[in-house]
Amino acid sequence: MKLPHRWTAQPGSLTLTHGYRHFELLGEQGKGAERAARLMAVLDPQCRLLVPLRQLRDQGLWQPGWQSLSRPAAMQIIPAIDLLDGHCVRLHQGDYDQVTRFNDDPVAQALDWQRQGAQRLHLVDLDGAKTGQPINDQAVKAITAALSIPVQLGGGVRSAERAEELLACGLDRVILGTVAIEQPELVKELATRHPGKVVVGIDAKDGLVATRGWIETSTVKATDLAQSFEGCGVAAIISTDIATDGTLAGPNLDALRAMAEASSIPVIASGGIGTLEDILSLLSIAPLGVEGVIVGRALYDGTVDLAEALQAIGPERLQDALTSPTGSITG
């Protein structure tokens, strides 16, 4: 019998596996009844196990893993650069009075994310979101000129003219938030005119849509707004949970699940990512249409390594999706 190269430890064997779930086959040793497999934990290559074949074949302890993920749901990690007065910053829960400045050179920061393997960059014009003024256009144009990967931007895009202007300066996608609730027909018209170029940003607090840089909260349910754009050509919905944004406390999986189930439009998660495990937890809802995740503060703080995260959820990933959006990837 040829052994699978990858294995997933089940709860009954977590003591044996030191709490790690995911293992890769290194080789075999012994013969006959003494035949055993040498395994290495994916999340900790220093953890090695010698497991008798009889245990690997016991479905109560182990289950061959990853084989059902030969074509896993796509998942993209998108680094975020939030621009405030030309600087790279992060806000805590959207509060403009709680600003952390990370880099005074957003172009250098963008190039760094590209070098680390990012396939897309997410820009937020915080000045535009708050005031509607294009204060950061010079930085935006410099970033799009310097990068070879697609760049998307949200914040203050409240007219067709502004959207057209941004697309003309090299952006791959524009994200419309406030205008999506105030002028939904404008969004639909732009999506028809620019297929694959228009994204709807839905920022929610307690399930209700927030607008104008999160300063105002509407009475519209986030899921209802998402559903209203079904079939109009919108490329994606960026779902941001304000309560978790910038907190590193983990994503709001229930809200993301509800958003993904509300329409067939692909969803990009935003808010709360603090660890690699938070990103892995999204694999459980990827089959529903969650195709990517925006990561900001965790990358700047170093609690998430971009290259490691890209490998962890990429096509060759050695993780399986959780069957439930709760619990730890490592058990």
Protein backbone atom coordinates (compact mmCIF):
# COMPACT_ATOMS: atom_id res chain seq x y z
CA MET A 1 0.00 0.00 0.00
CA LYS A 2 1.37 3.41 -0.99
CA LEU A 3 1.10 5.90 1.85
CA PRO A 4 -0.38 9.36 1.27
CA HIS A 5 2.18 12.14 1.57
CA ARG A 6 0.02 14.21 3.89
CA TRP A 7 -2.01 13.39 6.95
CA THR A 8 -4.42 15.15 9.29
CA ALA A 9 -4.44 14.10 12.93
CA GLN A 10 -7.88 13.74 14.46
CA PRO A 11 -8.85 14.93 17.98
CA GLY A 12 -8.28 11.48 19.45
CA SER A 13 -4.60 11.60 18.54
CA LEU A 14 -3.73 15.19 19.50
CA THR A 15 -1.86 14.08 22.61
CA LEU A 16 0.31 11.84 20.47
CA THR A 17 0.87 14.66 17.96
CA HIS A 18 1.71 17.30 20.59
CA GLY A 19 -1.34 19.32 19.57
CA TYR A 20 -0.45 19.61 15.89
CA ARG A 21 -2.97 18.52 13.28
CA HIS A 22 -1.10 18.59 9.99
CA PHE A 23 1.74 16.22 9.09
CA GLU A 24 3.82 15.40 6.05
CA LEU A 25 5.33 12.00 5.27
CA LEU A 26 9.12 12.02 5.45
CA GLY A 27 9.69 8.33 4.82
CA GLU A 28 9.14 4.81 6.10
CA GLN A 29 11.12 2.34 8.16
CA GLY A 30 10.77 -1.27 9.26
CA LYS A 31 9.01 -4.20 7.63
CA GLY A 32 5.91 -6.25 8.13
CA ALA A 33 4.06 -5.62 11.37
CA GLU A 34 6.82 -3.24 12.49
CA ARG A 35 6.48 -1.00 9.46
CA ALA A 36 6.11 2.63 10.48
CA ALA A 37 5.98 6.09 8.92
CA ARG A 38 8.13 9.06 9.83
CA LEU A 39 6.03 12.23 9.92
CA MET A 40 6.81 15.93 10.32
CA ALA A 41 4.38 18.54 11.67
CA VAL A 42 3.73 21.20 9.04
CA LEU A 43 3.36 24.05 11.54
CA ASP A 44 6.50 22.97 13.42
CA PRO A 45 9.08 21.10 11.31
CA GLN A 46 11.00 20.29 14.51
CA CYS A 47 8.15 18.03 15.65
CA ARG A 48 8.82 14.52 14.25
CA LEU A 49 6.82 11.37 14.89
CA LEU A 50 7.34 7.68 14.18
CA VAL A 51 3.84 6.25 13.75
CA PRO A 52 3.12 2.50 13.31
CA LEU A 53 1.15 1.79 10.16
CA ARG A 54 -1.60 0.17 12.19
CA GLN A 55 -2.27 3.56 13.79
CA LEU A 56 -2.25 5.42 10.49
CA ARG A 57 -4.82 2.95 9.19
CA ASP A 58 -7.04 3.36 12.24
CA GLN A 59 -9.60 5.91 11.11
CA GLY A 60 -10.46 6.58 14.75
CA LEU A 61 -7.02 8.15 15.20
CA TRP A 62 -6.08 9.46 11.79
CA GLN A 63 -7.64 10.40 8.51
CA PRO A 64 -5.72 10.80 5.26
CA GLY A 65 -5.72 14.53 4.73
CA TRP A 66 -5.51 17.07 1.95
CA GLN A 67 -6.47 14.58 -0.77
CA SER A 68 -9.91 16.18 -0.99
CA LEU A 69 -8.16 19.56 -1.36
CA SER A 70 -6.50 18.79 -4.68
CA ARG A 71 -8.43 21.80 -5.98
CA PRO A 72 -8.85 23.94 -2.86
CA ALA A 73 -10.99 27.06 -2.84
CA ALA A 74 -8.90 30.05 -3.84
CA MET A 75 -7.73 32.36 -1.08
CA GLN A 76 -5.71 35.52 -1.57
CA ILE A 77 -3.87 37.52 1.09
CA ILE A 78 -3.95 41.23 0.30
CA PRO A 79 -1.67 43.56 2.29
CA ALA A 80 -3.24 46.88 3.18
CA ILE A 81 -1.76 50.35 3.12
CA ASP A 82 -3.93 52.99 4.77
CA LEU A 83 -3.00 56.49 3.65
CA LEU A 84 -3.43 59.52 5.87
CA ASP A 85 -1.84 62.79 4.74
CA GLY A 86 0.59 60.79 2.56
CA HIS A 87 1.73 58.48 5.36
CA CYS A 88 1.17 54.76 5.91
CA VAL A 89 -0.96 54.37 9.07
CA ARG A 90 -3.53 52.21 10.81
CA LEU A 91 -6.59 53.28 12.75
CA HIS A 92 -8.04 51.43 15.72
CA GLN A 93 -11.65 50.49 14.92
CA GLY A 94 -11.82 53.36 12.43
CA ASP A 95 -11.10 56.03 15.05
CA TYR A 96 -9.19 58.93 13.49
CA ASP A 97 -8.03 59.91 16.99
CA GLN A 98 -6.27 56.55 17.42
CA VAL A 99 -3.65 56.59 14.66
CA THR A 100 -0.47 54.51 14.49
CA ARG A 101 2.03 55.61 11.84
CA PHE A 102 4.01 52.72 10.34
CA ASN A 103 5.88 54.18 7.40
CA ASP A 104 6.43 57.65 5.94
CA ASP A 105 7.19 56.15 2.51
CA PRO A 106 4.12 54.26 1.22
CA VAL A 107 5.83 53.46 -2.11
CA ALA A 108 8.68 51.69 -0.32
CA GLN A 109 6.14 49.83 1.81
CA ALA A 110 4.16 48.77 -1.27
CA LEU A 111 7.30 47.51 -2.99
CA ASP A 112 8.20 45.55 0.12
CA TRP A 113 4.85 43.72 0.11
CA GLN A 114 5.31 42.96 -3.59
CA ARG A 115 8.79 41.56 -2.95
CA GLN A 116 7.39 39.30 -0.25
CA GLY A 117 4.96 37.71 -2.69
CA ALA A 118 1.77 39.76 -2.54
CA GLN A 119 -0.36 39.31 -5.64
CA ARG A 120 -2.57 42.34 -4.99
CA LEU A 121 -2.35 45.49 -2.86
CA HIS A 122 -5.18 47.21 -1.02
CA LEU A 123 -5.06 50.98 -0.52
CA VAL A 124 -7.37 52.99 1.70
CA ASP A 125 -7.53 56.76 1.30
CA LEU A 126 -8.48 57.72 4.84
CA ASP A 127 -8.54 61.42 4.03
CA GLY A 128 -10.83 60.71 1.09
CA ALA A 129 -13.11 58.54 3.23
CA LYS A 130 -13.47 61.28 5.84
CA THR A 131 -13.56 64.45 3.74
CA GLY A 132 -13.97 63.32 0.15
CA GLN A 133 -10.85 65.25 -0.83
CA PRO A 134 -8.13 63.56 -2.98
CA ILE A 135 -5.26 64.45 -0.65
CA ASN A 136 -3.35 61.22 -1.29
CA ASP A 137 -3.52 61.07 -5.08
CA GLN A 138 0.19 61.73 -5.50
CA ALA A 139 1.06 58.74 -3.31
CA VAL A 140 -1.52 56.56 -5.08
CA LYS A 141 -0.11 57.37 -8.53
CA ALA A 142 3.45 56.74 -7.32
CA ILE A 143 2.45 53.33 -5.93
CA THR A 144 0.63 52.18 -9.07
CA ALA A 145 3.57 53.33 -11.22
CA ALA A 146 6.10 51.45 -9.08
CA LEU A 147 4.26 48.12 -8.74
CA SER A 148 3.66 45.35 -11.26
CA ILE A 149 0.84 43.74 -9.24
CA PRO A 150 -2.75 45.02 -9.36
CA VAL A 151 -3.70 47.72 -6.87
CA GLN A 152 -7.17 48.51 -5.58
CA LEU A 153 -8.30 51.58 -3.65
CA GLY A 154 -11.20 52.60 -1.49
CA GLY A 155 -12.02 55.75 0.43
CA GLY A 156 -13.83 58.81 -0.86
CA VAL A 157 -14.88 57.30 -4.21
CA ARG A 158 -18.31 58.90 -4.31
CA SER A 159 -18.87 59.81 -7.95
CA ALA A 160 -18.49 58.29 -11.40
CA GLU A 161 -15.97 60.99 -12.24
CA ARG A 162 -13.79 60.11 -9.26
CA ALA A 163 -13.94 56.38 -10.06
CA GLU A 164 -13.00 57.03 -13.69
CA GLU A 165 -10.14 59.29 -12.60
CA LEU A 166 -8.68 56.62 -10.29
CA LEU A 167 -8.95 53.85 -12.88
CA ALA A 168 -7.21 56.11 -15.39
CA CYS A 169 -4.24 56.59 -13.06
CA GLY A 170 -3.42 52.87 -13.04
CA LEU A 171 -5.60 51.31 -10.36
CA ASP A 172 -6.95 47.87 -11.14
CA ARG A 173 -10.08 48.25 -9.02
CA VAL A 174 -11.98 51.00 -7.25
CA ILE A 175 -13.94 50.32 -4.09
CA LEU A 176 -17.20 52.14 -3.48
CA GLY A 177 -18.57 52.23 0.04
CA THR A 178 -20.70 55.22 1.01
CA VAL A 179 -22.00 55.68 -2.55
CA ALA A 180 -23.08 52.02 -2.62
CA ILE A 181 -25.80 52.76 -0.11
CA GLU A 182 -26.55 56.34 -1.17
CA GLN A 183 -26.43 55.84 -4.96
CA PRO A 184 -26.62 52.10 -5.72
CA GLU A 185 -27.58 52.70 -9.35
CA LEU A 186 -24.32 54.58 -9.89
CA VAL A 187 -22.38 51.53 -8.67
CA LYS A 188 -24.32 49.23 -10.97
CA GLU A 189 -23.73 51.55 -13.92
CA LEU A 190 -19.97 51.68 -13.24
CA ALA A 191 -19.81 47.91 -12.82
CA THR A 192 -21.44 47.47 -16.22
CA ARG A 193 -19.12 50.01 -17.83
CA HIS A 194 -15.98 48.59 -16.20
CA PRO A 195 -16.39 44.80 -15.80
CA GLY A 196 -14.21 43.39 -13.03
CA LYS A 197 -13.08 46.84 -11.94
CA VAL A 198 -15.72 47.83 -9.38
CA VAL A 199 -15.78 46.49 -5.82
CA VAL A 200 -18.37 47.29 -3.17
CA GLY A 201 -16.99 47.98 0.30
CA ILE A 202 -19.49 47.12 3.02
CA ASP A 203 -18.33 48.25 6.44
CA ALA A 204 -20.61 47.08 9.21
CA LYS A 205 -21.10 47.72 12.88
CA ASP A 206 -23.41 45.29 14.67
CA GLY A 207 -24.61 44.12 11.26
CA LEU A 208 -25.56 47.62 10.02
CA VAL A 209 -23.77 49.51 7.25
CA ALA A 210 -21.50 52.39 8.34
CA THR A 211 -20.61 55.20 5.93
CA ARG A 212 -18.40 58.27 5.45
CA GLY A 213 -15.28 56.84 7.01
CA TRP A 214 -17.34 54.95 9.62
CA ILE A 215 -18.50 58.23 11.14
CA GLU A 216 -22.16 57.51 10.38
CA THR A 217 -24.19 54.30 10.82
CA SER A 218 -27.23 53.55 8.65
CA THR A 219 -30.28 51.38 9.32
CA VAL A 220 -29.49 49.10 6.37
CA LYS A 221 -28.38 45.53 7.05
CA ALA A 222 -25.00 44.68 5.53
CA THR A 223 -26.31 41.43 4.08
CA ASP A 224 -29.28 43.19 2.45
CA LEU A 225 -26.95 45.66 0.77
CA ALA A 226 -24.77 42.83 -0.52
CA GLN A 227 -27.77 41.01 -1.91
CA SER A 228 -28.95 44.14 -3.74
CA PHE A 229 -25.89 44.02 -6.03
CA GLU A 230 -26.45 40.44 -7.12
CA GLY A 231 -25.98 39.98 -10.86
CA CYS A 232 -24.88 43.51 -11.72
CA GLY A 233 -21.23 42.75 -12.47
CA VAL A 234 -19.62 43.83 -9.18
CA ALA A 235 -16.22 42.09 -8.96
CA ALA A 236 -16.23 41.51 -5.20
CA ILE A 237 -17.53 42.68 -1.85
CA ILE A 238 -15.06 43.72 0.81
CA SER A 239 -16.71 42.94 4.12
CA THR A 240 -15.23 44.86 7.04
CA ASP A 241 -16.30 44.32 10.62
CA ILE A 242 -15.60 47.63 12.36
CA ALA A 243 -15.64 46.08 15.83
CA THR A 244 -12.63 43.89 15.00
CA ASP A 245 -10.73 46.15 12.57
CA GLY A 246 -7.26 46.99 13.85
CA THR A 247 -7.75 44.92 17.02
CA LEU A 248 -5.88 41.72 15.97
CA ALA A 249 -8.64 39.84 17.82
CA GLY A 250 -9.59 37.57 14.92
CA PRO A 251 -12.15 37.84 12.12
CA ASN A 252 -15.89 37.86 12.66
CA LEU A 253 -16.56 34.50 11.02
CA ASP A 254 -20.30 34.60 11.62
CA ALA A 255 -20.63 37.96 9.86
CA LEU A 256 -18.46 36.79 6.97
CA ARG A 257 -20.46 33.58 6.60
CA ALA A 258 -23.69 35.58 6.49
CA MET A 259 -22.22 37.94 3.89
CA ALA A 260 -20.99 35.09 1.70
CA GLU A 261 -24.38 33.39 1.88
CA ALA A 262 -26.25 36.59 1.06
CA SER A 263 -25.15 36.63 -2.60
CA SER A 264 -22.96 34.87 -5.14
CA ILE A 265 -20.56 37.83 -5.34
CA PRO A 266 -17.07 36.87 -4.10
CA VAL A 267 -16.29 38.18 -0.60
CA ILE A 268 -12.98 39.57 0.63
CA ALA A 269 -12.65 39.53 4.41
CA SER A 270 -11.31 42.55 6.25
CA GLY A 271 -10.78 43.26 9.93
CA GLY A 272 -9.36 41.52 12.95
CA ILE A 273 -6.59 39.37 11.47
CA GLY A 274 -3.91 39.01 14.13
CA THR A 275 -2.26 35.61 13.56
CA LEU A 276 -1.72 32.98 10.90
CA GLU A 277 -4.35 30.90 12.64
CA ASP A 278 -6.90 33.69 12.04
CA ILE A 279 -6.18 33.46 8.32
CA LEU A 280 -6.41 29.66 8.35
CA SER A 281 -9.80 29.88 10.05
CA LEU A 282 -11.15 31.54 6.90
CA LEU A 283 -10.57 28.31 4.95
CA SER A 284 -13.72 26.92 6.55
CA ILE A 285 -15.85 29.50 4.73
CA ALA A 286 -13.79 29.76 1.54
CA PRO A 287 -16.13 27.29 -0.24
CA LEU A 288 -18.98 29.75 0.36
CA GLY A 289 -17.21 32.37 -1.75
CA VAL A 290 -14.72 34.06 0.61
CA GLU A 291 -11.88 34.41 -1.87
CA GLY A 292 -9.43 36.66 -0.06
CA VAL A 293 -8.46 38.48 3.10
CA ILE A 294 -7.04 41.95 3.66
CA VAL A 295 -4.33 42.07 6.32
CA GLY A 296 -2.91 45.26 7.78
CA ARG A 297 -1.70 45.73 11.33
CA ALA A 298 -0.68 42.09 11.82
CA LEU A 299 1.81 42.40 8.95
CA TYR A 300 3.25 45.63 10.30
CA ASP A 301 3.47 44.29 13.84
CA GLY A 302 5.06 41.05 12.60
CA THR A 303 2.46 38.72 14.12
CA VAL A 304 1.79 37.45 10.58
CA ASP A 305 4.61 36.73 8.13
CA LEU A 306 3.35 37.34 4.59
CA ALA A 307 5.46 34.67 2.88
CA GLU A 308 4.50 32.05 5.47
CA ALA A 309 0.82 32.99 5.24
CA LEU A 310 0.85 32.82 1.44
CA GLN A 311 2.29 29.32 1.60
CA ALA A 312 -0.17 28.27 4.28
CA ILE A 313 -3.28 29.04 2.22
CA GLY A 314 -1.89 28.72 -1.30
CA PRO A 315 -2.68 25.97 -3.83
CA GLU A 316 -0.01 23.72 -2.30
CA ARG A 317 -1.09 24.40 1.25
CA LEU A 318 -0.64 21.75 3.90
CA GLN A 319 -3.70 22.70 5.90
CA ASP A 320 -7.23 21.42 5.61
CA ALA A 321 -10.25 23.65 6.03
CA LEU A 322 -11.93 23.46 9.41
CA THR A 323 -15.33 21.82 9.32
CA SER A 324 -16.56 24.45 11.77
CA PRO A 325 -15.69 28.15 11.91
CA THR A 326 -14.63 27.76 15.53
CA GLY A 327 -11.71 26.15 17.25
CA SER A 328 -7.98 26.05 16.71
CA ILE A 329 -6.28 24.89 13.54
CA THR A 330 -3.66 23.20 15.69
CA GLY A 331 -6.25 21.54 17.85
